[in-house]
Amino acid sequence: MTDRPAPDLAALRADYSRGGLDLPDLEPDPVAMFTRWLHDAVESGMHEPNAMVLSTATPDGAPSSRMVLLKGVDAEGFVFFTNQLSRKGDELAANPRCALLFPWHPLERQVRVEGTATPLPREEVRAYFHSRPRDAQLGAWASRQSAVVGSRAALAAAYARVQERFPGEVDLPEDWGGYRVRHESVEFWQGRPSRMHDRLVYRRGQEAGPDGGQDTGWHVERLAP
């Protein structure tokens, strides 16, 4: 190992100056605004602009986070796919409240989403699974996500067995699925000089009714940086 001094973290800083964000800049709803910013992220050429941090928690509040890939977004929510017996799957089954973070550092932007995850219909999962590359389909069978593995060689052996098992079409694993996160709030963050960043958040309005809560549209607030 190389004996290298730790970086001076207190001295690491950058001043943001790419642009600003104000109420007239916003789209009428958060998905339209997100789609606009996602397009900007794709056009910028950044690596995996659809990568997002998914944060979940156990029923007693112990949090965990990991990167996953956004695979769809519409008025109903944000879609991703995963092994449902993984740690995140277990936590979402017990506590479906979760948060997403899109860290678009090259654009000095981030988007934060908070909401509730629900499992996707099986036919929707199957259609996406079979659109994936074959090696990724095989990997879903070979890896018991989040389980302890004895060695890299054990993983390779499991993958080889799956290759023999599925010489043709790969079946959809029973424990592989997807989720749609119904967004209750979506915050758009734009870096500004002197740490006076712009933070505008859409919140879903609710009012009580005879059949429970009903949506009353979106309202926007500015938050202090």
C-alpha atoms as a PDB file:
ATOM      1  CA  MET A   1       0.000   0.000   0.000  1.00  0.00           C
ATOM      2  CA  THR A   2       1.134   3.550  -0.754  1.00  0.00           C
ATOM      3  CA  ASP A   3       1.414   5.751   2.311  1.00  0.00           C
ATOM      4  CA  ARG A   4      -0.444   8.813   1.042  1.00  0.00           C
ATOM      5  CA  PRO A   5      -1.702  11.686   3.189  1.00  0.00           C
ATOM      6  CA  ALA A   6      -5.458  12.142   3.403  1.00  0.00           C
ATOM      7  CA  PRO A   7      -6.787  15.021   1.277  1.00  0.00           C
ATOM      8  CA  ASP A   8      -7.577  18.274   3.057  1.00  0.00           C
ATOM      9  CA  LEU A   9     -11.356  17.913   2.921  1.00  0.00           C
ATOM     10  CA  ALA A  10     -11.971  21.255   4.625  1.00  0.00           C
ATOM     11  CA  ALA A  11     -10.207  23.000   1.728  1.00  0.00           C
ATOM     12  CA  LEU A  12     -12.186  21.243  -1.025  1.00  0.00           C
ATOM     13  CA  ARG A  13     -14.826  23.619  -2.332  1.00  0.00           C
ATOM     14  CA  ALA A  14     -16.246  24.997  -5.556  1.00  0.00           C
ATOM     15  CA  ASP A  15     -18.318  28.070  -6.342  1.00  0.00           C
ATOM     16  CA  TYR A  16     -21.329  27.365  -8.559  1.00  0.00           C
ATOM     17  CA  SER A  17     -22.062  29.774 -11.378  1.00  0.00           C
ATOM     18  CA  ARG A  18     -23.714  27.920 -14.268  1.00  0.00           C
ATOM     19  CA  GLY A  19     -27.159  29.447 -13.820  1.00  0.00           C
ATOM     20  CA  GLY A  20     -30.162  30.068 -11.607  1.00  0.00           C
ATOM     21  CA  LEU A  21     -33.718  28.841 -11.099  1.00  0.00           C
ATOM     22  CA  ASP A  22     -36.804  30.954 -10.369  1.00  0.00           C
ATOM     23  CA  LEU A  23     -40.566  30.394 -10.434  1.00  0.00           C
ATOM     24  CA  PRO A  24     -41.028  31.604 -14.050  1.00  0.00           C
ATOM     25  CA  ASP A  25     -38.496  28.949 -15.136  1.00  0.00           C
ATOM     26  CA  LEU A  26     -40.648  26.056 -13.908  1.00  0.00           C
ATOM     27  CA  GLU A  27     -42.940  23.768 -15.878  1.00  0.00           C
ATOM     28  CA  PRO A  28     -46.555  23.392 -14.665  1.00  0.00           C
ATOM     29  CA  ASP A  29     -45.905  19.992 -13.081  1.00  0.00           C
ATOM     30  CA  PRO A  30     -42.804  18.295 -11.645  1.00  0.00           C
ATOM     31  CA  VAL A  31     -42.589  15.463 -14.184  1.00  0.00           C
ATOM     32  CA  ALA A  32     -42.470  17.923 -17.094  1.00  0.00           C
ATOM     33  CA  MET A  33     -39.774  19.877 -15.250  1.00  0.00           C
ATOM     34  CA  PHE A  34     -37.845  16.695 -14.447  1.00  0.00           C
ATOM     35  CA  THR A  35     -38.037  15.562 -18.067  1.00  0.00           C
ATOM     36  CA  ARG A  36     -36.592  18.898 -19.199  1.00  0.00           C
ATOM     37  CA  TRP A  37     -33.673  18.644 -16.799  1.00  0.00           C
ATOM     38  CA  LEU A  38     -33.129  14.968 -17.644  1.00  0.00           C
ATOM     39  CA  HIS A  39     -32.876  15.929 -21.316  1.00  0.00           C
ATOM     40  CA  ASP A  40     -30.232  18.509 -20.357  1.00  0.00           C
ATOM     41  CA  ALA A  41     -28.327  15.852 -18.420  1.00  0.00           C
ATOM     42  CA  VAL A  42     -28.392  13.432 -21.371  1.00  0.00           C
ATOM     43  CA  GLU A  43     -27.304  16.147 -23.807  1.00  0.00           C
ATOM     44  CA  SER A  44     -24.400  17.118 -21.522  1.00  0.00           C
ATOM     45  CA  GLY A  45     -22.801  13.719 -22.117  1.00  0.00           C
ATOM     46  CA  MET A  46     -22.457  12.894 -18.414  1.00  0.00           C
ATOM     47  CA  HIS A  47     -22.011   9.252 -17.408  1.00  0.00           C
ATOM     48  CA  GLU A  48     -25.335   7.501 -16.712  1.00  0.00           C
ATOM     49  CA  PRO A  49     -27.629  10.528 -16.331  1.00  0.00           C
ATOM     50  CA  ASN A  50     -30.437   8.183 -15.239  1.00  0.00           C
ATOM     51  CA  ALA A  51     -28.443   6.950 -12.212  1.00  0.00           C
ATOM     52  CA  MET A  52     -30.149   7.831  -8.934  1.00  0.00           C
ATOM     53  CA  VAL A  53     -29.553   7.238  -5.251  1.00  0.00           C
ATOM     54  CA  LEU A  54     -32.418   5.216  -3.762  1.00  0.00           C
ATOM     55  CA  SER A  55     -32.796   5.586   0.009  1.00  0.00           C
ATOM     56  CA  THR A  56     -34.965   3.197   2.002  1.00  0.00           C
ATOM     57  CA  ALA A  57     -35.450   2.552   5.714  1.00  0.00           C
ATOM     58  CA  THR A  58     -36.477  -0.254   8.004  1.00  0.00           C
ATOM     59  CA  PRO A  59     -39.707   0.084  10.007  1.00  0.00           C
ATOM     60  CA  ASP A  60     -37.664   1.352  12.979  1.00  0.00           C
ATOM     61  CA  GLY A  61     -35.962   4.006  10.854  1.00  0.00           C
ATOM     62  CA  ALA A  62     -32.519   2.543  10.037  1.00  0.00           C
ATOM     63  CA  PRO A  63     -31.656   4.010   6.596  1.00  0.00           C
ATOM     64  CA  SER A  64     -29.676   2.626   3.662  1.00  0.00           C
ATOM     65  CA  SER A  65     -28.827   4.034   0.229  1.00  0.00           C
ATOM     66  CA  ARG A  66     -27.561   2.702  -3.093  1.00  0.00           C
ATOM     67  CA  MET A  67     -27.392   3.622  -6.771  1.00  0.00           C
ATOM     68  CA  VAL A  68     -30.034   2.247  -9.147  1.00  0.00           C
ATOM     69  CA  LEU A  69     -31.074   3.244 -12.671  1.00  0.00           C
ATOM     70  CA  LEU A  70     -34.265   5.094 -13.533  1.00  0.00           C
ATOM     71  CA  LYS A  71     -36.054   3.146 -16.285  1.00  0.00           C
ATOM     72  CA  GLY A  72     -39.247   5.151 -16.693  1.00  0.00           C
ATOM     73  CA  VAL A  73     -41.045   8.273 -15.521  1.00  0.00           C
ATOM     74  CA  ASP A  74     -44.555   9.583 -16.092  1.00  0.00           C
ATOM     75  CA  ALA A  75     -47.363  11.269 -14.202  1.00  0.00           C
ATOM     76  CA  GLU A  76     -47.743   8.138 -12.041  1.00  0.00           C
ATOM     77  CA  GLY A  77     -44.152   8.096 -10.802  1.00  0.00           C
ATOM     78  CA  PHE A  78     -40.530   7.016 -11.203  1.00  0.00           C
ATOM     79  CA  VAL A  79     -39.765   3.412 -12.224  1.00  0.00           C
ATOM     80  CA  PHE A  80     -36.818   1.132 -11.429  1.00  0.00           C
ATOM     81  CA  PHE A  81     -36.188  -2.625 -11.417  1.00  0.00           C
ATOM     82  CA  THR A  82     -34.351  -4.853  -8.947  1.00  0.00           C
ATOM     83  CA  ASN A  83     -34.249  -8.141  -7.057  1.00  0.00           C
ATOM     84  CA  GLN A  84     -37.138  -7.955  -4.616  1.00  0.00           C
ATOM     85  CA  LEU A  85     -35.375 -10.210  -2.084  1.00  0.00           C
ATOM     86  CA  SER A  86     -32.473  -7.754  -1.826  1.00  0.00           C
ATOM     87  CA  ARG A  87     -32.047  -5.463   1.171  1.00  0.00           C
ATOM     88  CA  LYS A  88     -33.895  -2.653  -0.598  1.00  0.00           C
ATOM     89  CA  GLY A  89     -36.668  -5.054  -1.567  1.00  0.00           C
ATOM     90  CA  ASP A  90     -37.048  -6.248   2.016  1.00  0.00           C
ATOM     91  CA  GLU A  91     -37.104  -2.671   3.308  1.00  0.00           C
ATOM     92  CA  LEU A  92     -39.631  -1.495   0.726  1.00  0.00           C
ATOM     93  CA  ALA A  93     -41.895  -4.427   1.557  1.00  0.00           C
ATOM     94  CA  ALA A  94     -41.912  -3.393   5.219  1.00  0.00           C
ATOM     95  CA  ASN A  95     -41.791   0.383   4.697  1.00  0.00           C
ATOM     96  CA  PRO A  96     -42.638   1.612   1.170  1.00  0.00           C
ATOM     97  CA  ARG A  97     -41.705   5.238   1.919  1.00  0.00           C
ATOM     98  CA  CYS A  98     -38.493   6.101   0.086  1.00  0.00           C
ATOM     99  CA  ALA A  99     -36.444   8.897  -1.491  1.00  0.00           C
ATOM    100  CA  LEU A 100     -34.588   9.343  -4.790  1.00  0.00           C
ATOM    101  CA  LEU A 101     -31.679  11.665  -5.550  1.00  0.00           C
ATOM    102  CA  PHE A 102     -30.326  12.550  -8.993  1.00  0.00           C
ATOM    103  CA  PRO A 103     -26.795  14.009  -8.483  1.00  0.00           C
ATOM    104  CA  TRP A 104     -26.140  15.897 -11.712  1.00  0.00           C
ATOM    105  CA  HIS A 105     -22.841  17.455 -10.585  1.00  0.00           C
ATOM    106  CA  PRO A 106     -21.568  18.599 -14.030  1.00  0.00           C
ATOM    107  CA  LEU A 107     -24.682  20.786 -14.380  1.00  0.00           C
ATOM    108  CA  GLU A 108     -24.493  21.954 -10.742  1.00  0.00           C
ATOM    109  CA  ARG A 109     -27.960  20.472 -10.256  1.00  0.00           C
ATOM    110  CA  GLN A 110     -29.710  17.863  -8.209  1.00  0.00           C
ATOM    111  CA  VAL A 111     -33.283  16.596  -8.032  1.00  0.00           C
ATOM    112  CA  ARG A 112     -34.760  15.088  -4.876  1.00  0.00           C
ATOM    113  CA  VAL A 113     -37.916  12.948  -4.937  1.00  0.00           C
ATOM    114  CA  GLU A 114     -39.867  11.682  -1.931  1.00  0.00           C
ATOM    115  CA  GLY A 115     -42.777   9.277  -2.188  1.00  0.00           C
ATOM    116  CA  THR A 116     -44.113   5.757  -1.843  1.00  0.00           C
ATOM    117  CA  ALA A 117     -43.025   2.699  -3.844  1.00  0.00           C
ATOM    118  CA  THR A 118     -45.449   0.065  -5.110  1.00  0.00           C
ATOM    119  CA  PRO A 119     -44.502  -3.141  -6.988  1.00  0.00           C
ATOM    120  CA  LEU A 120     -45.049  -3.119 -10.743  1.00  0.00           C
ATOM    121  CA  PRO A 121     -47.470  -5.545 -12.450  1.00  0.00           C
ATOM    122  CA  ARG A 122     -45.785  -8.807 -13.422  1.00  0.00           C
ATOM    123  CA  GLU A 123     -46.391  -8.332 -17.150  1.00  0.00           C
ATOM    124  CA  GLU A 124     -44.665  -4.939 -17.063  1.00  0.00           C
ATOM    125  CA  VAL A 125     -41.696  -6.513 -15.286  1.00  0.00           C
ATOM    126  CA  ARG A 126     -41.543  -9.368 -17.780  1.00  0.00           C
ATOM    127  CA  ALA A 127     -41.563  -7.022 -20.763  1.00  0.00           C
ATOM    128  CA  TYR A 128     -38.672  -5.005 -19.354  1.00  0.00           C
ATOM    129  CA  PHE A 129     -36.697  -8.081 -18.258  1.00  0.00           C
ATOM    130  CA  HIS A 130     -36.735  -9.514 -21.765  1.00  0.00           C
ATOM    131  CA  SER A 131     -35.614  -6.177 -23.220  1.00  0.00           C
ATOM    132  CA  ARG A 132     -32.362  -6.408 -21.222  1.00  0.00           C
ATOM    133  CA  PRO A 133     -29.145  -7.862 -22.684  1.00  0.00           C
ATOM    134  CA  ARG A 134     -28.939 -11.635 -22.326  1.00  0.00           C
ATOM    135  CA  ASP A 135     -25.925 -11.470 -19.993  1.00  0.00           C
ATOM    136  CA  ALA A 136     -27.853  -9.162 -17.641  1.00  0.00           C
ATOM    137  CA  GLN A 137     -30.782 -11.589 -17.637  1.00  0.00           C
ATOM    138  CA  LEU A 138     -28.439 -14.435 -16.713  1.00  0.00           C
ATOM    139  CA  GLY A 139     -26.859 -12.312 -14.000  1.00  0.00           C
ATOM    140  CA  ALA A 140     -30.258 -11.822 -12.372  1.00  0.00           C
ATOM    141  CA  TRP A 141     -30.446 -15.605 -11.928  1.00  0.00           C
ATOM    142  CA  ALA A 142     -26.819 -16.090 -10.875  1.00  0.00           C
ATOM    143  CA  SER A 143     -26.743 -13.480  -8.102  1.00  0.00           C
ATOM    144  CA  ARG A 144     -28.822 -13.642  -4.924  1.00  0.00           C
ATOM    145  CA  GLN A 145     -28.543  -9.904  -4.455  1.00  0.00           C
ATOM    146  CA  SER A 146     -27.412  -8.755  -0.973  1.00  0.00           C
ATOM    147  CA  ALA A 147     -26.661 -12.347   0.153  1.00  0.00           C
ATOM    148  CA  VAL A 148     -23.181 -13.169   1.479  1.00  0.00           C
ATOM    149  CA  VAL A 149     -20.917 -14.726  -1.198  1.00  0.00           C
ATOM    150  CA  GLY A 150     -17.909 -16.885  -0.360  1.00  0.00           C
ATOM    151  CA  SER A 151     -15.706 -15.742  -3.248  1.00  0.00           C
ATOM    152  CA  ARG A 152     -15.603 -14.260  -6.728  1.00  0.00           C
ATOM    153  CA  ALA A 153     -15.063 -17.790  -8.015  1.00  0.00           C
ATOM    154  CA  ALA A 154     -18.382 -18.834  -6.455  1.00  0.00           C
ATOM    155  CA  LEU A 155     -20.135 -16.076  -8.402  1.00  0.00           C
ATOM    156  CA  ALA A 156     -18.472 -17.161 -11.638  1.00  0.00           C
ATOM    157  CA  ALA A 157     -19.515 -20.767 -11.025  1.00  0.00           C
ATOM    158  CA  ALA A 158     -23.112 -19.709 -10.402  1.00  0.00           C
ATOM    159  CA  TYR A 159     -23.121 -17.737 -13.652  1.00  0.00           C
ATOM    160  CA  ALA A 160     -21.737 -20.738 -15.565  1.00  0.00           C
ATOM    161  CA  ARG A 161     -24.496 -22.970 -14.189  1.00  0.00           C
ATOM    162  CA  VAL A 162     -27.138 -20.481 -15.285  1.00  0.00           C
ATOM    163  CA  GLN A 163     -25.649 -20.357 -18.795  1.00  0.00           C
ATOM    164  CA  GLU A 164     -26.089 -24.130 -19.016  1.00  0.00           C
ATOM    165  CA  ARG A 165     -29.606 -23.974 -17.577  1.00  0.00           C
ATOM    166  CA  PHE A 166     -30.842 -21.423 -20.137  1.00  0.00           C
ATOM    167  CA  PRO A 167     -29.333 -22.169 -23.568  1.00  0.00           C
ATOM    168  CA  GLY A 168     -32.242 -20.327 -25.161  1.00  0.00           C
ATOM    169  CA  GLU A 169     -34.723 -17.802 -23.742  1.00  0.00           C
ATOM    170  CA  VAL A 170     -34.126 -16.808 -20.123  1.00  0.00           C
ATOM    171  CA  ASP A 171     -37.125 -17.107 -17.803  1.00  0.00           C
ATOM    172  CA  LEU A 172     -38.113 -14.223 -15.543  1.00  0.00           C
ATOM    173  CA  PRO A 173     -36.934 -15.007 -11.986  1.00  0.00           C
ATOM    174  CA  GLU A 174     -39.701 -15.098  -9.401  1.00  0.00           C
ATOM    175  CA  ASP A 175     -37.835 -12.711  -7.100  1.00  0.00           C
ATOM    176  CA  TRP A 176     -36.964 -10.133  -9.774  1.00  0.00           C
ATOM    177  CA  GLY A 177     -39.332  -7.187 -10.142  1.00  0.00           C
ATOM    178  CA  GLY A 178     -39.760  -3.455 -10.245  1.00  0.00           C
ATOM    179  CA  TYR A 179     -41.295  -0.498  -8.433  1.00  0.00           C
ATOM    180  CA  ARG A 180     -43.022   2.754  -9.248  1.00  0.00           C
ATOM    181  CA  VAL A 181     -42.351   5.566  -6.777  1.00  0.00           C
ATOM    182  CA  ARG A 182     -45.393   7.832  -6.589  1.00  0.00           C
ATOM    183  CA  HIS A 183     -43.902  11.240  -5.945  1.00  0.00           C
ATOM    184  CA  GLU A 184     -45.311  13.394  -3.149  1.00  0.00           C
ATOM    185  CA  SER A 185     -42.613  16.060  -3.434  1.00  0.00           C
ATOM    186  CA  VAL A 186     -39.965  16.866  -6.054  1.00  0.00           C
ATOM    187  CA  GLU A 187     -37.224  19.397  -5.317  1.00  0.00           C
ATOM    188  CA  PHE A 188     -35.096  21.056  -8.008  1.00  0.00           C
ATOM    189  CA  TRP A 189     -31.745  22.375  -6.779  1.00  0.00           C
ATOM    190  CA  GLN A 190     -29.519  24.676  -8.828  1.00  0.00           C
ATOM    191  CA  GLY A 191     -26.115  25.736  -7.514  1.00  0.00           C
ATOM    192  CA  ARG A 192     -25.477  29.466  -7.171  1.00  0.00           C
ATOM    193  CA  PRO A 193     -22.454  31.583  -6.117  1.00  0.00           C
ATOM    194  CA  SER A 194     -21.710  32.174  -2.422  1.00  0.00           C
ATOM    195  CA  ARG A 195     -23.730  29.071  -1.493  1.00  0.00           C
ATOM    196  CA  MET A 196     -26.971  30.984  -2.142  1.00  0.00           C
ATOM    197  CA  HIS A 197     -28.386  28.063  -4.083  1.00  0.00           C
ATOM    198  CA  ASP A 198     -31.863  27.931  -5.642  1.00  0.00           C
ATOM    199  CA  ARG A 199     -34.204  25.283  -4.202  1.00  0.00           C
ATOM    200  CA  LEU A 200     -37.746  25.029  -5.574  1.00  0.00           C
ATOM    201  CA  VAL A 201     -39.956  22.168  -4.447  1.00  0.00           C
ATOM    202  CA  TYR A 202     -43.279  20.926  -5.819  1.00  0.00           C
ATOM    203  CA  ARG A 203     -45.579  19.455  -3.177  1.00  0.00           C
ATOM    204  CA  ARG A 204     -48.706  17.445  -3.889  1.00  0.00           C
ATOM    205  CA  GLY A 205     -51.765  19.124  -2.404  1.00  0.00           C
ATOM    206  CA  GLN A 206     -54.302  17.020  -0.510  1.00  0.00           C
ATOM    207  CA  GLU A 207     -57.720  17.710   0.931  1.00  0.00           C
ATOM    208  CA  ALA A 208     -59.969  15.465   2.983  1.00  0.00           C
ATOM    209  CA  GLY A 209     -63.076  14.040   1.351  1.00  0.00           C
ATOM    210  CA  PRO A 210     -65.744  11.369   1.925  1.00  0.00           C
ATOM    211  CA  ASP A 211     -63.572   8.818   0.095  1.00  0.00           C
ATOM    212  CA  GLY A 212     -60.302   9.860   1.763  1.00  0.00           C
ATOM    213  CA  GLY A 213     -57.608  12.301   0.594  1.00  0.00           C
ATOM    214  CA  GLN A 214     -57.940  13.809  -2.878  1.00  0.00           C
ATOM    215  CA  ASP A 215     -55.245  15.504  -4.963  1.00  0.00           C
ATOM    216  CA  THR A 216     -55.642  19.239  -5.374  1.00  0.00           C
ATOM    217  CA  GLY A 217     -52.718  19.738  -7.747  1.00  0.00           C
ATOM    218  CA  TRP A 218     -49.173  20.902  -7.138  1.00  0.00           C
ATOM    219  CA  HIS A 219     -47.947  23.934  -5.272  1.00  0.00           C
ATOM    220  CA  VAL A 220     -44.371  25.238  -5.284  1.00  0.00           C
ATOM    221  CA  GLU A 221     -42.259  26.619  -2.447  1.00  0.00           C
ATOM    222  CA  ARG A 222     -38.795  28.137  -2.370  1.00  0.00           C
ATOM    223  CA  LEU A 223     -36.504  26.755   0.328  1.00  0.00           C
ATOM    224  CA  ALA A 224     -33.521  28.433   1.928  1.00  0.00           C
ATOM    225  CA  PRO A 225     -30.226  26.954   0.700  1.00  0.00           C
END
